[in-house]
Amino acid sequence: MTMRKARFTNLFGHQTEFASENLLGQDRHYHREAKSQKSQLKSAHKHGTRKNYKIPIKHKLT
């Protein structure tokens, strides 16, 4: 699903759109979340040990 991102400017006291872009799902990256997931897996605590199936990290990261 695409997400439309619009950029606006103020012309003569009115907000006007001057650019827009369509972001595809594979183009959106959330680096902060990926970084925190990696650091959680490297920590001393065992995350998700009570689940019967753990999703591999390569499928979680963006």
N, C-alpha and C. Protein backbone atom coordinates (compact mmCIF):
# COMPACT_ATOMS: atom_id res chain seq x y z
N MET A 1 0.84 -1.17 0.00
CA MET A 1 0.00 0.00 0.00
C MET A 1 0.89 1.24 0.00
N THR A 2 0.60 2.16 -0.86
CA THR A 2 1.40 3.37 -0.95
C THR A 2 0.92 4.41 0.06
N MET A 3 1.83 5.27 0.43
CA MET A 3 1.51 6.36 1.34
C MET A 3 1.91 7.65 0.64
N ARG A 4 1.02 8.61 0.59
CA ARG A 4 1.29 9.87 -0.09
C ARG A 4 1.80 10.87 0.92
N LYS A 5 2.94 11.46 0.62
CA LYS A 5 3.54 12.46 1.49
C LYS A 5 3.55 13.79 0.75
N ALA A 6 2.93 14.79 1.32
CA ALA A 6 2.83 16.10 0.68
C ALA A 6 3.66 17.12 1.45
N ARG A 7 4.23 18.05 0.72
CA ARG A 7 4.99 19.14 1.33
C ARG A 7 4.28 20.45 1.00
N PHE A 8 4.18 21.30 2.00
CA PHE A 8 3.42 22.54 1.85
C PHE A 8 4.31 23.75 2.07
N THR A 9 3.89 24.87 1.52
CA THR A 9 4.54 26.15 1.74
C THR A 9 3.46 27.21 1.96
N ASN A 10 3.86 28.35 2.45
CA ASN A 10 2.92 29.42 2.74
C ASN A 10 3.08 30.52 1.70
N LEU A 11 2.06 30.71 0.86
CA LEU A 11 2.07 31.75 -0.16
C LEU A 11 0.94 32.73 0.12
N PHE A 12 1.31 33.98 0.35
CA PHE A 12 0.33 35.05 0.56
C PHE A 12 -0.66 34.72 1.68
N GLY A 13 -0.17 34.09 2.73
CA GLY A 13 -1.02 33.78 3.87
C GLY A 13 -1.84 32.51 3.74
N HIS A 14 -1.68 31.76 2.66
CA HIS A 14 -2.43 30.52 2.46
C HIS A 14 -1.45 29.35 2.32
N GLN A 15 -1.83 28.22 2.89
CA GLN A 15 -1.00 27.04 2.80
C GLN A 15 -1.23 26.35 1.45
N THR A 16 -0.17 26.17 0.69
CA THR A 16 -0.27 25.61 -0.66
C THR A 16 0.68 24.43 -0.79
N GLU A 17 0.19 23.37 -1.41
CA GLU A 17 1.03 22.19 -1.64
C GLU A 17 1.96 22.48 -2.81
N PHE A 18 3.27 22.26 -2.61
CA PHE A 18 4.20 22.50 -3.70
C PHE A 18 4.90 21.23 -4.17
N ALA A 19 4.78 20.14 -3.43
CA ALA A 19 5.39 18.88 -3.86
C ALA A 19 4.67 17.73 -3.17
N SER A 20 4.63 16.61 -3.85
CA SER A 20 4.09 15.40 -3.24
C SER A 20 4.83 14.21 -3.81
N GLU A 21 4.90 13.16 -3.02
CA GLU A 21 5.57 11.95 -3.47
C GLU A 21 4.82 10.75 -2.92
N ASN A 22 4.83 9.68 -3.67
CA ASN A 22 4.21 8.43 -3.25
C ASN A 22 5.28 7.50 -2.72
N LEU A 23 5.14 7.09 -1.48
CA LEU A 23 6.10 6.19 -0.86
C LEU A 23 5.55 4.78 -0.89
N LEU A 24 6.29 3.87 -1.47
CA LEU A 24 5.88 2.47 -1.50
C LEU A 24 6.28 1.80 -0.19
N GLY A 25 5.67 0.68 0.09
CA GLY A 25 5.95 -0.03 1.34
C GLY A 25 7.40 -0.44 1.48
N GLN A 26 8.02 -0.87 0.39
CA GLN A 26 9.41 -1.31 0.49
C GLN A 26 10.38 -0.14 0.57
N ASP A 27 9.92 1.08 0.28
CA ASP A 27 10.79 2.24 0.35
C ASP A 27 10.79 2.90 1.72
N ARG A 28 9.84 2.54 2.56
CA ARG A 28 9.78 3.12 3.90
C ARG A 28 10.68 2.32 4.83
N HIS A 29 11.56 2.99 5.55
CA HIS A 29 12.46 2.32 6.47
C HIS A 29 12.33 2.95 7.85
N TYR A 30 12.37 2.12 8.84
CA TYR A 30 12.28 2.57 10.22
C TYR A 30 13.55 2.11 10.92
N HIS A 31 14.64 2.85 10.72
CA HIS A 31 15.94 2.42 11.19
C HIS A 31 16.02 2.38 12.71
N ARG A 32 15.33 3.26 13.39
CA ARG A 32 15.41 3.26 14.85
C ARG A 32 14.85 1.97 15.43
N GLU A 33 13.73 1.51 14.90
CA GLU A 33 13.14 0.28 15.42
C GLU A 33 14.04 -0.91 15.10
N ALA A 34 14.61 -0.95 13.92
CA ALA A 34 15.50 -2.05 13.56
C ALA A 34 16.72 -2.06 14.47
N LYS A 35 17.23 -0.88 14.80
CA LYS A 35 18.40 -0.79 15.68
C LYS A 35 18.05 -1.29 17.08
N SER A 36 16.87 -0.94 17.58
CA SER A 36 16.50 -1.39 18.92
C SER A 36 16.25 -2.89 18.96
N GLN A 37 15.72 -3.45 17.87
CA GLN A 37 15.50 -4.89 17.83
C GLN A 37 16.82 -5.64 17.87
N LYS A 38 17.81 -5.15 17.15
CA LYS A 38 19.13 -5.79 17.16
C LYS A 38 19.75 -5.72 18.55
N SER A 39 19.64 -4.57 19.21
CA SER A 39 20.24 -4.43 20.53
C SER A 39 19.52 -5.29 21.57
N GLN A 40 18.20 -5.48 21.42
CA GLN A 40 17.48 -6.34 22.35
C GLN A 40 17.92 -7.79 22.21
N LEU A 41 18.17 -8.22 20.98
CA LEU A 41 18.59 -9.61 20.78
C LEU A 41 19.99 -9.86 21.31
N LYS A 42 20.84 -8.82 21.31
CA LYS A 42 22.20 -8.97 21.82
C LYS A 42 22.27 -8.84 23.34
N SER A 43 21.18 -8.41 23.98
CA SER A 43 21.20 -8.20 25.43
C SER A 43 21.21 -9.54 26.16
N ALA A 44 21.42 -9.48 27.47
CA ALA A 44 21.52 -10.69 28.28
C ALA A 44 20.17 -11.35 28.51
N HIS A 45 19.09 -10.60 28.38
CA HIS A 45 17.76 -11.15 28.62
C HIS A 45 17.30 -11.99 27.44
N LYS A 46 16.53 -13.01 27.72
CA LYS A 46 15.96 -13.86 26.68
C LYS A 46 14.59 -13.33 26.31
N HIS A 47 14.47 -12.76 25.14
CA HIS A 47 13.20 -12.18 24.69
C HIS A 47 12.41 -13.22 23.92
N GLY A 48 11.15 -13.37 24.27
CA GLY A 48 10.27 -14.25 23.53
C GLY A 48 10.50 -15.72 23.76
N THR A 49 10.95 -16.12 24.94
CA THR A 49 11.24 -17.53 25.17
C THR A 49 9.97 -18.33 25.43
N ARG A 50 8.88 -17.68 25.82
CA ARG A 50 7.65 -18.42 26.11
C ARG A 50 6.77 -18.63 24.88
N LYS A 51 7.17 -18.15 23.76
CA LYS A 51 6.39 -18.34 22.54
C LYS A 51 6.78 -19.68 21.91
N ASN A 52 5.87 -20.30 21.22
CA ASN A 52 6.21 -21.58 20.60
C ASN A 52 6.90 -21.39 19.26
N TYR A 53 6.87 -20.21 18.69
CA TYR A 53 7.57 -19.95 17.44
C TYR A 53 8.09 -18.53 17.46
N LYS A 54 9.35 -18.36 17.14
CA LYS A 54 9.95 -17.04 17.12
C LYS A 54 10.26 -16.66 15.67
N ILE A 55 9.81 -15.49 15.27
CA ILE A 55 10.05 -15.01 13.91
C ILE A 55 11.52 -14.63 13.78
N PRO A 56 12.21 -15.10 12.76
CA PRO A 56 13.62 -14.74 12.58
C PRO A 56 13.78 -13.23 12.41
N ILE A 57 14.90 -12.71 12.88
CA ILE A 57 15.15 -11.27 12.87
C ILE A 57 15.19 -10.72 11.45
N LYS A 58 15.60 -11.53 10.46
CA LYS A 58 15.67 -11.02 9.09
C LYS A 58 14.29 -10.71 8.53
N HIS A 59 13.24 -11.32 9.09
CA HIS A 59 11.88 -11.01 8.65
C HIS A 59 11.30 -9.81 9.41
N LYS A 60 11.86 -9.49 10.57
CA LYS A 60 11.36 -8.37 11.36
C LYS A 60 11.94 -7.04 10.91
N LEU A 61 13.19 -7.05 10.48
CA LEU A 61 13.87 -5.81 10.16
C LEU A 61 13.39 -5.25 8.83
N THR A 62 13.42 -3.92 8.74
CA THR A 62 12.99 -3.27 7.51
C THR A 62 14.18 -2.95 6.65
